[in-house]
Amino acid sequence: MRTGTAAPKPRPGAASRAETAAYGSEAVRGLGTVRVRHILHSDWDSVAALERDAYAGLGLSEGPAALQSRASASPGTCFLLDVGSRTAGYLLALPYPAFRYPDLEQAQGATAFRTRNLHLHDIVVTRTLRRRGLAQQLLRHLTRTAQARGHERISLVAVGGSERFWAARGFVPHPGVVPPGSGYGTGAVYMSRPVPVPVPQHEVS
């Protein structure tokens, strides 16, 4: 990841509206209704704008086609964050072999890797709503998804000095995995953490 801090068959990178409806919403104090859902084709202009704002200054912006290709490979692990009627953030993740990461200069192949490692490629929250726990909410949602799909680890590439942010959330650095000239910028660090084992829910008799 580059993170700084059915009816008809869905279009590439989009999930069906039936799948989207399966995701609930919750009220967050001071923000109103916050909802995490799958990404629809109509969302990509908003996603691309958020991505440009987050990464253009770091020289790491991929562009709409590359972003959509990541989601096309694994639409079930890519999510949009709505706050009220506003698109407030997104998360892109896809199965990817451990200690490897997507090439930012190439689009993703249409078929995801078969691996127990889930790579958190990108997570962005709009600037005006940062430090409100929304990134953590997206991460929790991804963790539950990883558990349900049988993934054993979540990996990412921390960029822009965000290593401490991810270390505080249980991610461990693996120095040397991302070499200089990889396209992820100076100081990029590959990190990973295990997916927690779900705690069984016991019925109360």
Protein backbone atom coordinates (compact mmCIF):
# COMPACT_ATOMS: atom_id res chain seq x y z
CA MET A 1 0.00 0.00 0.00
CA ARG A 2 0.99 3.58 -0.53
CA THR A 3 -0.53 5.09 2.46
CA GLY A 4 0.23 8.42 4.01
CA THR A 5 -1.50 8.48 6.97
CA ALA A 6 -26.42 -8.12 -9.94
CA ALA A 7 -28.21 -7.75 -11.59
CA PRO A 8 -26.00 -7.18 -14.61
CA LYS A 9 -22.36 -8.08 -14.25
CA PRO A 10 -20.59 -5.22 -12.42
CA ARG A 11 -18.27 -3.01 -14.41
CA PRO A 12 -14.54 -3.39 -13.70
CA GLY A 13 -13.75 -2.38 -10.14
CA ALA A 14 -17.37 -2.14 -9.11
CA ALA A 15 -19.56 -4.33 -6.94
CA SER A 16 -23.20 -5.04 -7.54
CA ARG A 17 -25.80 -2.92 -5.79
CA ALA A 18 -27.04 -6.06 -4.05
CA GLU A 19 -23.60 -6.54 -2.50
CA THR A 20 -23.47 -2.88 -1.53
CA ALA A 21 -26.80 -3.09 0.26
CA ALA A 22 -25.40 -5.79 2.52
CA TYR A 23 -23.22 -3.26 4.32
CA GLY A 24 -24.79 -1.46 7.25
CA SER A 25 -24.27 2.04 8.52
CA GLU A 26 -23.63 3.48 11.94
CA ALA A 27 -23.85 6.87 13.59
CA VAL A 28 -20.53 8.38 14.62
CA ARG A 29 -20.62 11.21 17.13
CA GLY A 30 -20.11 14.56 15.47
CA LEU A 31 -20.23 13.12 11.94
CA GLY A 32 -23.67 11.62 11.53
CA THR A 33 -24.14 8.42 9.55
CA VAL A 34 -20.96 6.70 8.39
CA ARG A 35 -21.19 3.79 5.96
CA VAL A 36 -18.57 1.44 4.51
CA ARG A 37 -19.64 -0.19 1.25
CA HIS A 38 -18.25 -1.64 -1.96
CA ILE A 39 -17.12 0.69 -4.74
CA LEU A 40 -19.51 1.31 -7.63
CA HIS A 41 -18.53 2.40 -11.12
CA SER A 42 -20.07 5.83 -10.46
CA ASP A 43 -17.72 6.34 -7.48
CA TRP A 44 -14.46 6.36 -9.43
CA ASP A 45 -14.31 10.09 -10.15
CA SER A 46 -14.53 10.76 -6.40
CA VAL A 47 -11.96 8.06 -5.62
CA ALA A 48 -9.53 9.44 -8.21
CA ALA A 49 -9.92 12.98 -6.80
CA LEU A 50 -9.18 11.76 -3.25
CA GLU A 51 -6.15 9.83 -4.51
CA ARG A 52 -4.73 12.85 -6.38
CA ASP A 53 -5.13 15.05 -3.32
CA ALA A 54 -3.37 12.51 -1.11
CA TYR A 55 -0.49 11.48 -3.35
CA ALA A 56 0.21 14.02 -6.10
CA GLY A 57 2.40 16.06 -3.75
CA LEU A 58 4.48 12.95 -3.03
CA GLY A 59 4.80 12.11 -6.72
CA LEU A 60 2.93 8.84 -6.13
CA SER A 61 -0.42 9.38 -7.85
CA GLU A 62 -1.39 6.39 -10.01
CA GLY A 63 -4.32 7.73 -11.98
CA PRO A 64 -7.86 6.37 -12.44
CA ALA A 65 -7.06 3.43 -14.74
CA ALA A 66 -4.47 1.92 -12.39
CA LEU A 67 -6.72 2.44 -9.37
CA GLN A 68 -9.64 0.69 -11.04
CA SER A 69 -7.39 -2.19 -12.07
CA ARG A 70 -6.52 -2.87 -8.41
CA ALA A 71 -10.20 -3.08 -7.54
CA SER A 72 -11.02 -5.17 -10.61
CA ALA A 73 -8.65 -7.86 -9.35
CA SER A 74 -10.49 -8.13 -6.01
CA PRO A 75 -13.67 -6.01 -5.78
CA GLY A 76 -14.74 -7.78 -2.60
CA THR A 77 -11.80 -6.30 -0.65
CA CYS A 78 -12.14 -2.70 -1.84
CA PHE A 79 -14.41 -0.23 -0.05
CA LEU A 80 -15.80 3.29 -0.10
CA LEU A 81 -16.45 5.37 3.02
CA ASP A 82 -19.53 7.59 3.01
CA VAL A 83 -20.20 10.25 5.65
CA GLY A 84 -23.76 11.34 5.12
CA SER A 85 -24.09 11.91 1.38
CA ARG A 86 -20.38 12.71 0.99
CA THR A 87 -17.63 10.41 -0.25
CA ALA A 88 -15.10 10.70 2.58
CA GLY A 89 -12.55 8.01 1.80
CA TYR A 90 -11.75 4.67 0.27
CA LEU A 91 -9.64 1.54 0.74
CA LEU A 92 -8.14 -0.73 -1.93
CA ALA A 93 -6.79 -4.16 -1.00
CA LEU A 94 -6.08 -7.30 -2.99
CA PRO A 95 -4.54 -10.72 -2.45
CA TYR A 96 -0.82 -10.40 -3.20
CA PRO A 97 2.14 -12.67 -2.39
CA ALA A 98 3.94 -11.81 0.85
CA PHE A 99 6.96 -9.53 0.45
CA ARG A 100 5.81 -8.39 -2.98
CA TYR A 101 3.78 -5.31 -3.88
CA PRO A 102 2.02 -3.78 -6.91
CA ASP A 103 4.01 -1.80 -9.47
CA LEU A 104 2.64 1.75 -9.35
CA GLU A 105 3.49 2.27 -13.02
CA GLN A 106 1.51 -0.71 -14.27
CA ALA A 107 -2.15 -1.64 -14.17
CA GLN A 108 -3.10 -4.75 -12.24
CA GLY A 109 -3.95 -7.99 -14.01
CA ALA A 110 -7.61 -8.93 -13.99
CA THR A 111 -7.07 -12.05 -11.88
CA ALA A 112 -6.03 -11.84 -8.23
CA PHE A 113 -3.26 -13.98 -6.81
CA ARG A 114 -4.21 -17.06 -4.80
CA THR A 115 -2.50 -16.31 -1.50
CA ARG A 116 -3.24 -16.06 2.22
CA ASN A 117 -1.68 -12.58 2.25
CA LEU A 118 -3.99 -9.59 1.71
CA HIS A 119 -2.15 -6.46 0.58
CA LEU A 120 -3.58 -3.12 1.71
CA HIS A 121 -2.60 -1.09 -1.31
CA ASP A 122 -4.27 2.20 -0.54
CA ILE A 123 -6.32 3.91 2.15
CA VAL A 124 -7.33 7.57 1.98
CA VAL A 125 -9.59 9.76 4.10
CA THR A 126 -10.39 13.27 2.91
CA ARG A 127 -8.23 15.91 4.59
CA THR A 128 -11.08 17.68 6.37
CA LEU A 129 -12.17 14.49 8.17
CA ARG A 130 -8.84 13.06 9.23
CA ARG A 131 -8.06 12.30 12.87
CA ARG A 132 -11.66 11.30 13.44
CA GLY A 133 -11.13 7.52 13.55
CA LEU A 134 -12.37 6.94 10.00
CA ALA A 135 -9.19 5.28 8.74
CA GLN A 136 -9.35 2.95 11.73
CA GLN A 137 -12.95 2.14 10.85
CA LEU A 138 -11.91 1.19 7.31
CA LEU A 139 -9.07 -0.91 8.69
CA ARG A 140 -11.40 -2.76 11.07
CA HIS A 141 -13.72 -3.49 8.17
CA LEU A 142 -10.83 -4.84 6.12
CA THR A 143 -9.68 -7.01 9.03
CA ARG A 144 -13.13 -8.57 9.35
CA THR A 145 -13.16 -9.18 5.61
CA ALA A 146 -9.72 -10.81 5.77
CA GLN A 147 -10.93 -13.08 8.58
CA ALA A 148 -14.00 -14.11 6.61
CA ARG A 149 -11.92 -14.89 3.53
CA GLY A 150 -9.30 -16.91 5.34
CA HIS A 151 -6.35 -14.54 4.94
CA GLU A 152 -3.55 -14.96 7.46
CA ARG A 153 -1.68 -11.65 7.09
CA ILE A 154 -2.25 -8.09 5.92
CA SER A 155 0.67 -6.26 4.32
CA LEU A 156 1.25 -2.71 3.08
CA VAL A 157 3.95 -0.30 1.95
CA ALA A 158 4.09 2.72 4.26
CA VAL A 159 5.04 5.92 2.43
CA GLY A 160 5.48 9.58 3.28
CA GLY A 161 6.76 8.92 6.80
CA SER A 162 3.69 6.94 7.92
CA GLU A 163 5.63 3.99 9.39
CA ARG A 164 4.91 5.06 13.00
CA PHE A 165 1.19 5.33 12.28
CA TRP A 166 1.10 1.74 11.07
CA ALA A 167 3.43 0.43 13.77
CA ALA A 168 0.93 1.75 16.34
CA ARG A 169 -1.67 -0.46 14.68
CA GLY A 170 0.33 -3.63 14.94
CA PHE A 171 2.22 -3.61 11.65
CA VAL A 172 5.86 -4.74 11.80
CA PRO A 173 8.47 -3.36 9.35
CA HIS A 174 10.45 -5.62 7.05
CA PRO A 175 13.47 -3.49 6.05
CA GLY A 176 14.93 -3.91 2.59
CA VAL A 177 11.84 -5.36 0.92
CA VAL A 178 11.11 -2.08 -0.91
CA PRO A 179 14.38 -0.93 -2.50
CA PRO A 180 15.20 2.65 -3.57
CA GLY A 181 13.86 3.29 -7.04
CA SER A 182 10.82 1.08 -6.51
CA GLY A 183 8.48 3.96 -7.34
CA TYR A 184 7.14 4.24 -3.78
CA GLY A 185 9.30 7.20 -2.81
CA THR A 186 12.15 7.72 -0.39
CA GLY A 187 11.83 5.86 2.89
CA ALA A 188 9.04 3.50 1.81
CA VAL A 189 8.78 0.54 4.21
CA TYR A 190 7.07 -2.81 3.67
CA MET A 191 5.10 -3.80 6.78
CA SER A 192 2.74 -6.59 7.77
CA ARG A 193 0.73 -7.98 10.65
CA PRO A 194 -1.17 -11.21 11.29
CA VAL A 195 -4.92 -11.30 10.87
CA PRO A 196 -6.41 -11.86 14.35
CA VAL A 197 -8.20 -15.15 14.85
CA PRO A 198 -11.93 -14.44 15.26
CA VAL A 199 -13.22 -14.98 18.78
CA PRO A 200 -16.06 -17.55 18.76
CA GLN A 201 -19.40 -16.13 19.79
CA HIS A 202 -20.94 -18.39 22.45
CA GLU A 203 -24.68 -18.49 22.78
CA VAL A 204 -26.12 -17.59 26.16
CA SER A 205 -28.67 -20.17 27.25
